[in-house]
Amino acid sequence: MPLNIYIIAHPIIKKLSNQFINSTHQNPQIQNILNNDPLHILLIYEVTRKWITGYNIYIKNLNHIKPIYRFNKKESYLIITNFMYCGNIINNINKLLPKVCIQHLNLEQYKEKEINDECINHQIINRIREKKIIIVENFIEDNSIIKLLHYLITYKNIYIKNINIICITCNSIILENLGSKYPNLKIYTTHINYH
């Protein structure tokens, strides 16, 4: 499996993900009630820390130099997530990432049907080629993620290097399928299920 999988092992992320996984295993309906925003924010941080580019500006005053860090104005981000499970991150992400658009997409609806232009906002679709895309899911347990990638790459001509996936847990069989179809894809997770 030539897939680029990054298992995040930071102690805080491990603690938050274990709490989330244990809570949802006991009661699967609880995942839309739990506040897993800090976990998603930390995972997004892991993805973007190598991806965001910026530069320093130095403003010279009479007595000192004031440094200011600026993001690259040409960079923009599209986060595709299910608002029901990850929607609370919107306020924080808008403050952290430069030029971010957030698109709701419930992948559970696409287990049996295909993803098409009606699934994603048309204004976003028109600008999608210029964006770095982060797909945020709690669990990757079925092939609907492969359908989304197929749509983005085949119909929207997105390069795989511009797509990263974040999930709390993912299924090893789905990872094998992703690896055979998209070997250069990067996935950031806290746990892989081998059953």
N, C-alpha and C. Protein backbone atom coordinates (compact mmCIF):
# COMPACT_ATOMS: atom_id res chain seq x y z
N MET A 1 0.86 -1.17 0.00
CA MET A 1 0.00 0.00 0.00
C MET A 1 0.91 1.24 0.00
N PRO A 2 1.09 1.88 -1.14
CA PRO A 2 2.00 3.03 -1.24
C PRO A 2 1.39 4.34 -0.76
N LEU A 3 0.28 4.30 -0.09
CA LEU A 3 -0.41 5.49 0.39
C LEU A 3 0.40 6.19 1.47
N ASN A 4 0.33 7.52 1.52
CA ASN A 4 1.01 8.30 2.56
C ASN A 4 0.07 8.45 3.75
N ILE A 5 0.25 7.61 4.76
CA ILE A 5 -0.60 7.65 5.94
C ILE A 5 0.22 8.20 7.10
N TYR A 6 -0.31 9.21 7.73
CA TYR A 6 0.35 9.81 8.88
C TYR A 6 -0.52 9.54 10.11
N ILE A 7 -0.03 8.73 11.02
CA ILE A 7 -0.76 8.47 12.25
C ILE A 7 -0.24 9.49 13.27
N ILE A 8 -1.13 10.36 13.68
CA ILE A 8 -0.76 11.45 14.58
C ILE A 8 -0.63 10.87 15.99
N ALA A 9 0.55 11.02 16.57
CA ALA A 9 0.82 10.40 17.86
C ALA A 9 1.03 11.41 18.98
N HIS A 10 0.66 12.65 18.76
CA HIS A 10 0.81 13.65 19.81
C HIS A 10 -0.08 13.25 21.00
N PRO A 11 0.42 13.35 22.23
CA PRO A 11 -0.35 12.90 23.40
C PRO A 11 -1.73 13.54 23.54
N ILE A 12 -1.85 14.82 23.26
CA ILE A 12 -3.16 15.48 23.38
C ILE A 12 -4.12 14.93 22.33
N ILE A 13 -3.64 14.76 21.11
CA ILE A 13 -4.48 14.21 20.04
C ILE A 13 -4.88 12.78 20.37
N LYS A 14 -3.95 11.99 20.89
CA LYS A 14 -4.28 10.61 21.28
C LYS A 14 -5.37 10.58 22.35
N LYS A 15 -5.23 11.43 23.35
CA LYS A 15 -6.21 11.47 24.44
C LYS A 15 -7.59 11.85 23.91
N LEU A 16 -7.66 12.92 23.12
CA LEU A 16 -8.95 13.36 22.58
C LEU A 16 -9.56 12.33 21.64
N SER A 17 -8.74 11.72 20.80
CA SER A 17 -9.29 10.73 19.87
C SER A 17 -9.77 9.48 20.59
N ASN A 18 -9.03 9.05 21.61
CA ASN A 18 -9.47 7.87 22.37
C ASN A 18 -10.79 8.14 23.10
N GLN A 19 -10.93 9.33 23.66
CA GLN A 19 -12.20 9.70 24.29
C GLN A 19 -13.34 9.65 23.28
N PHE A 20 -13.10 10.21 22.11
CA PHE A 20 -14.12 10.25 21.07
C PHE A 20 -14.47 8.84 20.58
N ILE A 21 -13.45 8.04 20.28
CA ILE A 21 -13.67 6.68 19.77
C ILE A 21 -14.43 5.85 20.81
N ASN A 22 -14.00 5.90 22.06
CA ASN A 22 -14.67 5.12 23.10
C ASN A 22 -16.12 5.57 23.30
N SER A 23 -16.37 6.85 23.26
CA SER A 23 -17.74 7.36 23.42
C SER A 23 -18.64 6.93 22.27
N THR A 24 -18.13 6.99 21.05
CA THR A 24 -18.97 6.64 19.90
C THR A 24 -19.15 5.14 19.75
N HIS A 25 -18.20 4.33 20.25
CA HIS A 25 -18.39 2.88 20.22
C HIS A 25 -19.49 2.48 21.20
N GLN A 26 -19.57 3.17 22.32
CA GLN A 26 -20.61 2.87 23.30
C GLN A 26 -21.97 3.33 22.80
N ASN A 27 -22.01 4.47 22.11
CA ASN A 27 -23.26 5.02 21.61
C ASN A 27 -22.98 5.74 20.29
N PRO A 28 -23.19 5.06 19.14
CA PRO A 28 -22.86 5.65 17.84
C PRO A 28 -23.61 6.96 17.54
N GLN A 29 -24.76 7.17 18.14
CA GLN A 29 -25.54 8.39 17.88
C GLN A 29 -24.94 9.62 18.56
N ILE A 30 -23.98 9.41 19.44
CA ILE A 30 -23.46 10.53 20.23
C ILE A 30 -22.46 11.39 19.45
N GLN A 31 -21.96 10.93 18.30
CA GLN A 31 -20.90 11.67 17.62
C GLN A 31 -21.33 13.06 17.17
N ASN A 32 -22.61 13.29 16.94
CA ASN A 32 -23.02 14.64 16.57
C ASN A 32 -23.27 15.53 17.78
N ILE A 33 -23.23 14.95 18.98
CA ILE A 33 -23.40 15.73 20.20
C ILE A 33 -22.04 16.09 20.81
N LEU A 34 -21.07 15.19 20.69
CA LEU A 34 -19.76 15.43 21.30
C LEU A 34 -19.08 16.64 20.69
N ASN A 35 -18.39 17.36 21.51
CA ASN A 35 -17.63 18.50 21.04
C ASN A 35 -16.21 18.03 20.74
N ASN A 36 -15.99 17.64 19.49
CA ASN A 36 -14.67 17.19 19.09
C ASN A 36 -13.94 18.27 18.28
N ASP A 37 -14.36 19.51 18.45
CA ASP A 37 -13.72 20.63 17.75
C ASP A 37 -12.22 20.71 18.02
N PRO A 38 -11.78 20.63 19.29
CA PRO A 38 -10.34 20.72 19.52
C PRO A 38 -9.56 19.64 18.76
N LEU A 39 -10.12 18.45 18.68
CA LEU A 39 -9.46 17.37 17.95
C LEU A 39 -9.36 17.70 16.46
N HIS A 40 -10.45 18.16 15.88
CA HIS A 40 -10.42 18.53 14.46
C HIS A 40 -9.46 19.68 14.19
N ILE A 41 -9.46 20.66 15.06
CA ILE A 41 -8.54 21.81 14.90
C ILE A 41 -7.09 21.33 14.94
N LEU A 42 -6.77 20.46 15.90
CA LEU A 42 -5.40 19.96 15.99
C LEU A 42 -5.02 19.12 14.77
N LEU A 43 -5.95 18.34 14.25
CA LEU A 43 -5.67 17.56 13.05
C LEU A 43 -5.48 18.47 11.83
N ILE A 44 -6.30 19.50 11.73
CA ILE A 44 -6.14 20.46 10.63
C ILE A 44 -4.79 21.17 10.75
N TYR A 45 -4.41 21.47 11.98
CA TYR A 45 -3.08 22.06 12.20
C TYR A 45 -1.99 21.14 11.64
N GLU A 46 -2.07 19.85 11.94
CA GLU A 46 -1.07 18.91 11.46
C GLU A 46 -0.99 18.90 9.94
N VAL A 47 -2.13 18.95 9.28
CA VAL A 47 -2.14 18.95 7.81
C VAL A 47 -1.55 20.24 7.26
N THR A 48 -1.94 21.36 7.82
CA THR A 48 -1.60 22.65 7.22
C THR A 48 -0.22 23.17 7.61
N ARG A 49 0.40 22.65 8.64
CA ARG A 49 1.68 23.23 9.07
C ARG A 49 2.77 23.07 8.02
N LYS A 50 2.68 22.07 7.18
CA LYS A 50 3.63 21.90 6.09
C LYS A 50 3.09 22.46 4.78
N TRP A 51 1.83 22.79 4.75
CA TRP A 51 1.15 23.16 3.52
C TRP A 51 1.02 24.66 3.35
N ILE A 52 0.82 25.39 4.44
CA ILE A 52 0.63 26.84 4.36
C ILE A 52 1.98 27.51 4.12
N THR A 53 1.99 28.43 3.19
CA THR A 53 3.20 29.21 2.97
C THR A 53 2.91 30.68 3.30
N GLY A 54 3.93 31.35 3.70
CA GLY A 54 3.78 32.75 4.05
C GLY A 54 5.13 33.44 3.98
N TYR A 55 5.14 34.64 4.44
CA TYR A 55 6.37 35.43 4.39
C TYR A 55 6.34 36.48 5.49
N ASN A 56 7.51 36.95 5.85
CA ASN A 56 7.63 38.00 6.86
C ASN A 56 7.73 39.36 6.19
N ILE A 57 7.08 40.32 6.79
CA ILE A 57 7.21 41.72 6.40
C ILE A 57 7.81 42.44 7.60
N TYR A 58 8.77 43.28 7.35
CA TYR A 58 9.39 44.03 8.43
C TYR A 58 9.09 45.51 8.25
N ILE A 59 8.45 46.09 9.26
CA ILE A 59 8.11 47.51 9.23
C ILE A 59 9.08 48.23 10.15
N LYS A 60 9.81 49.15 9.55
CA LYS A 60 10.81 49.87 10.32
C LYS A 60 10.19 51.13 10.92
N ASN A 61 10.22 51.21 12.24
CA ASN A 61 9.81 52.40 12.97
C ASN A 61 11.07 53.15 13.40
N LEU A 62 10.91 54.24 14.07
CA LEU A 62 12.08 55.01 14.50
C LEU A 62 13.01 54.22 15.42
N ASN A 63 12.43 53.52 16.39
CA ASN A 63 13.25 52.88 17.41
C ASN A 63 13.34 51.35 17.29
N HIS A 64 12.52 50.77 16.47
CA HIS A 64 12.54 49.31 16.37
C HIS A 64 11.97 48.85 15.02
N ILE A 65 12.14 47.56 14.79
CA ILE A 65 11.58 46.93 13.59
C ILE A 65 10.46 46.01 14.04
N LYS A 66 9.31 46.15 13.42
CA LYS A 66 8.14 45.34 13.77
C LYS A 66 7.94 44.26 12.69
N PRO A 67 8.12 42.97 13.07
CA PRO A 67 7.88 41.90 12.09
C PRO A 67 6.40 41.53 12.04
N ILE A 68 5.91 41.28 10.86
CA ILE A 68 4.53 40.83 10.65
C ILE A 68 4.58 39.62 9.72
N TYR A 69 3.89 38.57 10.10
CA TYR A 69 3.83 37.37 9.25
C TYR A 69 2.55 37.42 8.44
N ARG A 70 2.66 37.21 7.14
CA ARG A 70 1.50 37.25 6.22
C ARG A 70 1.39 35.91 5.50
N PHE A 71 0.17 35.49 5.28
CA PHE A 71 -0.07 34.31 4.46
C PHE A 71 0.07 34.67 2.99
N ASN A 72 0.40 33.67 2.19
CA ASN A 72 0.45 33.85 0.75
C ASN A 72 -0.96 34.14 0.24
N LYS A 73 -1.15 35.28 -0.41
CA LYS A 73 -2.48 35.69 -0.87
C LYS A 73 -3.04 34.79 -1.96
N LYS A 74 -2.18 34.06 -2.66
CA LYS A 74 -2.64 33.20 -3.74
C LYS A 74 -3.19 31.87 -3.24
N GLU A 75 -2.90 31.54 -2.00
CA GLU A 75 -3.37 30.27 -1.45
C GLU A 75 -4.78 30.40 -0.89
N SER A 76 -5.57 29.37 -1.13
CA SER A 76 -6.89 29.31 -0.53
C SER A 76 -7.20 27.84 -0.25
N TYR A 77 -8.15 27.63 0.63
CA TYR A 77 -8.44 26.29 1.10
C TYR A 77 -9.92 25.99 1.00
N LEU A 78 -10.22 24.75 0.69
CA LEU A 78 -11.58 24.25 0.71
C LEU A 78 -11.61 23.10 1.70
N ILE A 79 -12.46 23.21 2.70
CA ILE A 79 -12.66 22.12 3.65
C ILE A 79 -14.01 21.49 3.33
N ILE A 80 -13.98 20.21 3.05
CA ILE A 80 -15.20 19.46 2.79
C ILE A 80 -15.45 18.59 4.02
N THR A 81 -16.60 18.80 4.65
CA THR A 81 -16.91 18.07 5.88
C THR A 81 -18.42 17.95 6.05
N ASN A 82 -18.81 17.11 6.95
CA ASN A 82 -20.21 16.97 7.32
C ASN A 82 -20.46 17.91 8.50
N PHE A 83 -21.22 18.97 8.28
CA PHE A 83 -21.48 19.95 9.34
C PHE A 83 -22.11 19.32 10.58
N MET A 84 -22.85 18.25 10.38
CA MET A 84 -23.53 17.63 11.51
C MET A 84 -22.51 17.11 12.53
N TYR A 85 -21.38 16.60 12.06
CA TYR A 85 -20.38 16.04 12.96
C TYR A 85 -19.20 16.97 13.20
N CYS A 86 -18.94 17.86 12.26
CA CYS A 86 -17.74 18.70 12.35
C CYS A 86 -18.05 20.18 12.18
N GLY A 87 -19.30 20.56 12.22
CA GLY A 87 -19.71 21.92 11.89
C GLY A 87 -19.24 23.00 12.84
N ASN A 88 -18.96 22.65 14.07
CA ASN A 88 -18.57 23.67 15.04
C ASN A 88 -17.17 24.22 14.81
N ILE A 89 -16.40 23.59 13.93
CA ILE A 89 -15.05 24.08 13.67
C ILE A 89 -15.05 25.31 12.77
N ILE A 90 -16.18 25.61 12.16
CA ILE A 90 -16.24 26.69 11.16
C ILE A 90 -15.74 28.02 11.71
N ASN A 91 -16.22 28.42 12.87
CA ASN A 91 -15.81 29.72 13.42
C ASN A 91 -14.32 29.79 13.67
N ASN A 92 -13.75 28.74 14.21
CA ASN A 92 -12.32 28.74 14.49
C ASN A 92 -11.47 28.65 13.24
N ILE A 93 -11.89 27.86 12.28
CA ILE A 93 -11.11 27.70 11.05
C ILE A 93 -11.06 29.00 10.27
N ASN A 94 -12.15 29.73 10.23
CA ASN A 94 -12.15 31.00 9.52
C ASN A 94 -11.13 31.98 10.11
N LYS A 95 -10.84 31.85 11.39
CA LYS A 95 -9.86 32.72 12.03
C LYS A 95 -8.43 32.25 11.77
N LEU A 96 -8.25 30.96 11.56
CA LEU A 96 -6.91 30.40 11.46
C LEU A 96 -6.35 30.30 10.05
N LEU A 97 -7.17 29.87 9.12
CA LEU A 97 -6.69 29.63 7.76
C LEU A 97 -6.97 30.82 6.84
N PRO A 98 -6.05 31.09 5.93
CA PRO A 98 -6.31 32.16 4.97
C PRO A 98 -7.30 31.70 3.90
N LYS A 99 -8.19 32.56 3.51
CA LYS A 99 -9.13 32.30 2.41
C LYS A 99 -9.68 30.87 2.44
N VAL A 100 -10.49 30.59 3.40
CA VAL A 100 -11.04 29.25 3.52
C VAL A 100 -12.52 29.25 3.17
N CYS A 101 -12.91 28.25 2.39
CA CYS A 101 -14.33 27.98 2.11
C CYS A 101 -14.63 26.63 2.75
N ILE A 102 -15.81 26.53 3.31
CA ILE A 102 -16.19 25.27 3.94
C ILE A 102 -17.45 24.77 3.26
N GLN A 103 -17.40 23.52 2.82
CA GLN A 103 -18.49 22.91 2.07
C GLN A 103 -19.05 21.73 2.85
N HIS A 104 -20.36 21.74 3.05
CA HIS A 104 -21.01 20.59 3.70
C HIS A 104 -21.17 19.47 2.69
N LEU A 105 -20.80 18.27 3.11
CA LEU A 105 -21.05 17.08 2.30
C LEU A 105 -21.15 15.89 3.23
N ASN A 106 -22.30 15.28 3.27
CA ASN A 106 -22.53 14.11 4.10
C ASN A 106 -22.21 12.87 3.26
N LEU A 107 -21.02 12.32 3.43
CA LEU A 107 -20.60 11.18 2.61
C LEU A 107 -21.45 9.94 2.85
N GLU A 108 -22.10 9.85 3.99
CA GLU A 108 -22.96 8.70 4.28
C GLU A 108 -24.08 8.57 3.24
N GLN A 109 -24.49 9.69 2.66
CA GLN A 109 -25.55 9.67 1.65
C GLN A 109 -25.09 9.06 0.33
N TYR A 110 -23.77 8.91 0.16
CA TYR A 110 -23.24 8.48 -1.14
C TYR A 110 -22.63 7.09 -1.10
N LYS A 111 -23.10 6.29 -0.15
CA LYS A 111 -22.66 4.90 -0.13
C LYS A 111 -23.14 4.16 -1.38
N GLU A 112 -24.36 4.47 -1.80
CA GLU A 112 -24.96 3.76 -2.92
C GLU A 112 -25.04 4.59 -4.21
N LYS A 113 -24.97 5.92 -4.10
CA LYS A 113 -25.10 6.75 -5.31
C LYS A 113 -23.82 7.54 -5.55
N GLU A 114 -23.71 8.08 -6.76
CA GLU A 114 -22.51 8.80 -7.17
C GLU A 114 -22.55 10.25 -6.73
N ILE A 115 -21.38 10.83 -6.58
CA ILE A 115 -21.24 12.25 -6.25
C ILE A 115 -21.17 13.03 -7.56
N ASN A 116 -21.90 14.15 -7.61
CA ASN A 116 -21.92 14.96 -8.83
C ASN A 116 -21.90 16.45 -8.47
N ASP A 117 -22.05 17.31 -9.49
CA ASP A 117 -21.99 18.76 -9.28
C ASP A 117 -23.06 19.29 -8.34
N GLU A 118 -24.16 18.58 -8.19
CA GLU A 118 -25.22 19.05 -7.30
C GLU A 118 -24.84 18.89 -5.83
N CYS A 119 -23.80 18.13 -5.55
CA CYS A 119 -23.38 17.88 -4.17
C CYS A 119 -22.56 19.01 -3.58
N ILE A 120 -21.91 19.79 -4.44
CA ILE A 120 -21.01 20.85 -3.99
C ILE A 120 -21.45 22.17 -4.62
N ASN A 121 -21.40 23.23 -3.85
CA ASN A 121 -21.80 24.57 -4.28
C ASN A 121 -21.13 24.95 -5.61
N HIS A 122 -21.92 25.45 -6.57
CA HIS A 122 -21.39 25.77 -7.90
C HIS A 122 -20.34 26.88 -7.88
N GLN A 123 -20.48 27.84 -7.00
CA GLN A 123 -19.46 28.90 -6.90
C GLN A 123 -18.13 28.32 -6.44
N ILE A 124 -18.20 27.38 -5.55
CA ILE A 124 -16.97 26.73 -5.09
C ILE A 124 -16.39 25.88 -6.21
N ILE A 125 -17.22 25.17 -6.94
CA ILE A 125 -16.75 24.32 -8.03
C ILE A 125 -15.98 25.14 -9.06
N ASN A 126 -16.44 26.33 -9.37
CA ASN A 126 -15.77 27.15 -10.37
C ASN A 126 -14.36 27.57 -9.94
N ARG A 127 -14.13 27.68 -8.64
CA ARG A 127 -12.82 28.10 -8.14
C ARG A 127 -12.03 26.95 -7.54
N ILE A 128 -12.53 25.76 -7.64
CA ILE A 128 -11.96 24.63 -6.89
C ILE A 128 -10.54 24.27 -7.33
N ARG A 129 -10.19 24.47 -8.58
CA ARG A 129 -8.86 24.10 -9.06
C ARG A 129 -7.75 24.91 -8.40
N GLU A 130 -8.07 26.06 -7.87
CA GLU A 130 -7.07 26.93 -7.26
C GLU A 130 -6.87 26.63 -5.77
N LYS A 131 -7.62 25.72 -5.23
CA LYS A 131 -7.63 25.50 -3.79
C LYS A 131 -6.85 24.26 -3.37
N LYS A 132 -6.44 24.30 -2.12
CA LYS A 132 -5.94 23.12 -1.45
C LYS A 132 -7.13 22.57 -0.69
N ILE A 133 -7.39 21.29 -0.85
CA ILE A 133 -8.61 20.69 -0.32
C ILE A 133 -8.28 19.80 0.88
N ILE A 134 -9.04 20.01 1.96
CA ILE A 134 -8.93 19.18 3.15
C ILE A 134 -10.30 18.53 3.36
N ILE A 135 -10.32 17.22 3.33
CA ILE A 135 -11.56 16.48 3.60
C ILE A 135 -11.50 16.04 5.05
N VAL A 136 -12.50 16.45 5.84
CA VAL A 136 -12.53 16.14 7.27
C VAL A 136 -13.69 15.18 7.53
N GLU A 137 -13.36 14.01 8.02
CA GLU A 137 -14.37 13.01 8.39
C GLU A 137 -14.02 12.45 9.76
N ASN A 138 -15.02 12.04 10.49
CA ASN A 138 -14.75 11.36 11.76
C ASN A 138 -14.26 9.95 11.50
N PHE A 139 -15.01 9.19 10.70
CA PHE A 139 -14.68 7.80 10.41
C PHE A 139 -14.70 7.57 8.92
N ILE A 140 -13.69 6.89 8.42
CA ILE A 140 -13.70 6.45 7.02
C ILE A 140 -13.87 4.94 7.06
N GLU A 141 -15.11 4.52 6.73
CA GLU A 141 -15.45 3.11 6.86
C GLU A 141 -16.03 2.50 5.59
N ASP A 142 -16.21 3.31 4.56
CA ASP A 142 -16.78 2.78 3.32
C ASP A 142 -16.17 3.49 2.12
N ASN A 143 -16.59 3.09 0.93
CA ASN A 143 -16.01 3.60 -0.31
C ASN A 143 -16.54 4.95 -0.75
N SER A 144 -17.37 5.61 0.04
CA SER A 144 -17.87 6.92 -0.37
C SER A 144 -16.73 7.94 -0.48
N ILE A 145 -15.67 7.79 0.29
CA ILE A 145 -14.52 8.69 0.18
C ILE A 145 -13.83 8.50 -1.17
N ILE A 146 -13.82 7.29 -1.68
CA ILE A 146 -13.23 7.01 -2.99
C ILE A 146 -14.08 7.66 -4.08
N LYS A 147 -15.40 7.64 -3.90
CA LYS A 147 -16.29 8.31 -4.86
C LYS A 147 -16.03 9.81 -4.89
N LEU A 148 -15.84 10.41 -3.73
CA LEU A 148 -15.55 11.84 -3.67
C LEU A 148 -14.22 12.15 -4.36
N LEU A 149 -13.19 11.37 -4.09
CA LEU A 149 -11.90 11.59 -4.74
C LEU A 149 -12.01 11.41 -6.25
N HIS A 150 -12.73 10.40 -6.68
CA HIS A 150 -12.94 10.17 -8.11
C HIS A 150 -13.60 11.39 -8.76
N TYR A 151 -14.62 11.93 -8.11
CA TYR A 151 -15.30 13.12 -8.62
C TYR A 151 -14.34 14.30 -8.71
N LEU A 152 -13.59 14.57 -7.65
CA LEU A 152 -12.69 15.71 -7.64
C LEU A 152 -11.58 15.59 -8.67
N ILE A 153 -11.01 14.40 -8.80
CA ILE A 153 -9.87 14.21 -9.69
C ILE A 153 -10.32 14.06 -11.15
N THR A 154 -11.34 13.27 -11.39
CA THR A 154 -11.77 12.99 -12.76
C THR A 154 -12.60 14.11 -13.37
N TYR A 155 -13.58 14.62 -12.63
CA TYR A 155 -14.50 15.58 -13.21
C TYR A 155 -14.10 17.04 -12.95
N LYS A 156 -13.32 17.28 -11.91
CA LYS A 156 -12.92 18.66 -11.58
C LYS A 156 -11.43 18.90 -11.80
N ASN A 157 -10.73 17.88 -12.28
CA ASN A 157 -9.31 17.99 -12.63
C ASN A 157 -8.44 18.51 -11.48
N ILE A 158 -8.73 18.06 -10.28
CA ILE A 158 -7.94 18.43 -9.11
C ILE A 158 -6.75 17.47 -9.03
N TYR A 159 -5.58 18.01 -8.77
CA TYR A 159 -4.40 17.18 -8.60
C TYR A 159 -4.44 16.54 -7.21
N ILE A 160 -4.05 15.30 -7.14
CA ILE A 160 -4.08 14.58 -5.86
C ILE A 160 -3.17 15.24 -4.83
N LYS A 161 -2.12 15.91 -5.27
CA LYS A 161 -1.22 16.59 -4.33
C LYS A 161 -1.91 17.75 -3.61
N ASN A 162 -3.05 18.22 -4.15
CA ASN A 162 -3.80 19.31 -3.53
C ASN A 162 -4.92 18.83 -2.62
N ILE A 163 -4.95 17.53 -2.34
CA ILE A 163 -5.99 16.96 -1.48
C ILE A 163 -5.34 16.24 -0.31
N ASN A 164 -5.81 16.54 0.88
CA ASN A 164 -5.43 15.82 2.09
C ASN A 164 -6.70 15.39 2.81
N ILE A 165 -6.64 14.24 3.44
CA ILE A 165 -7.79 13.73 4.19
C ILE A 165 -7.42 13.66 5.66
N ILE A 166 -8.36 14.11 6.49
CA ILE A 166 -8.23 14.01 7.94
C ILE A 166 -9.37 13.14 8.45
N CYS A 167 -9.05 12.17 9.30
CA CYS A 167 -10.10 11.38 9.93
C CYS A 167 -9.61 10.94 11.30
N ILE A 168 -10.55 10.64 12.16
CA ILE A 168 -10.18 10.17 13.49
C ILE A 168 -9.81 8.70 13.41
N THR A 169 -10.63 7.90 12.74
CA THR A 169 -10.29 6.50 12.50
C THR A 169 -10.59 6.15 11.05
N CYS A 170 -9.88 5.16 10.55
CA CYS A 170 -10.15 4.69 9.19
C CYS A 170 -9.96 3.17 9.14
N ASN A 171 -10.66 2.58 8.21
CA ASN A 171 -10.67 1.15 8.01
C ASN A 171 -9.48 0.75 7.14
N SER A 172 -8.76 -0.30 7.52
CA SER A 172 -7.57 -0.72 6.77
C SER A 172 -7.90 -1.17 5.35
N ILE A 173 -9.06 -1.76 5.15
CA ILE A 173 -9.45 -2.21 3.80
C ILE A 173 -9.69 -1.01 2.90
N ILE A 174 -10.34 0.02 3.42
CA ILE A 174 -10.56 1.24 2.64
C ILE A 174 -9.21 1.89 2.33
N LEU A 175 -8.29 1.88 3.29
CA LEU A 175 -6.95 2.43 3.04
C LEU A 175 -6.24 1.68 1.91
N GLU A 176 -6.39 0.36 1.88
CA GLU A 176 -5.79 -0.42 0.79
C GLU A 176 -6.40 -0.03 -0.55
N ASN A 177 -7.73 0.14 -0.58
CA ASN A 177 -8.40 0.57 -1.81
C ASN A 177 -7.92 1.95 -2.24
N LEU A 178 -7.82 2.87 -1.29
CA LEU A 178 -7.33 4.22 -1.59
C LEU A 178 -5.89 4.16 -2.10
N GLY A 179 -5.07 3.34 -1.47
CA GLY A 179 -3.67 3.22 -1.87
C GLY A 179 -3.50 2.68 -3.27
N SER A 180 -4.36 1.74 -3.67
CA SER A 180 -4.24 1.19 -5.02
C SER A 180 -4.72 2.19 -6.08
N LYS A 181 -5.70 3.02 -5.75
CA LYS A 181 -6.22 3.99 -6.71
C LYS A 181 -5.46 5.32 -6.69
N TYR A 182 -5.07 5.77 -5.50
CA TYR A 182 -4.45 7.09 -5.33
C TYR A 182 -3.20 6.97 -4.46
N PRO A 183 -2.12 6.45 -5.01
CA PRO A 183 -0.92 6.19 -4.19
C PRO A 183 -0.25 7.45 -3.61
N ASN A 184 -0.49 8.61 -4.18
CA ASN A 184 0.14 9.83 -3.68
C ASN A 184 -0.74 10.62 -2.71
N LEU A 185 -1.89 10.09 -2.38
CA LEU A 185 -2.80 10.75 -1.45
C LEU A 185 -2.22 10.74 -0.04
N LYS A 186 -2.45 11.83 0.70
CA LYS A 186 -2.01 11.91 2.10
C LYS A 186 -3.23 11.83 3.01
N ILE A 187 -3.14 10.93 3.99
CA ILE A 187 -4.20 10.78 4.98
C ILE A 187 -3.59 10.96 6.36
N TYR A 188 -4.25 11.79 7.16
CA TYR A 188 -3.86 12.03 8.55
C TYR A 188 -4.94 11.43 9.43
N THR A 189 -4.53 10.53 10.32
CA THR A 189 -5.50 9.86 11.17
C THR A 189 -4.90 9.65 12.55
N THR A 190 -5.75 9.24 13.48
CA THR A 190 -5.27 8.92 14.82
C THR A 190 -5.30 7.41 15.07
N HIS A 191 -6.05 6.68 14.22
CA HIS A 191 -6.22 5.25 14.48
C HIS A 191 -6.63 4.54 13.20
N ILE A 192 -6.10 3.32 13.01
CA ILE A 192 -6.50 2.48 11.89
C ILE A 192 -7.16 1.23 12.46
N ASN A 193 -8.36 0.91 11.96
CA ASN A 193 -9.07 -0.29 12.36
C ASN A 193 -8.67 -1.43 11.42
N TYR A 194 -8.23 -2.54 11.98
CA TYR A 194 -7.80 -3.69 11.17
C TYR A 194 -8.82 -4.82 11.18
N HIS A 195 -10.05 -4.53 11.51
CA HIS A 195 -11.06 -5.61 11.52
C HIS A 195 -12.23 -5.23 10.66
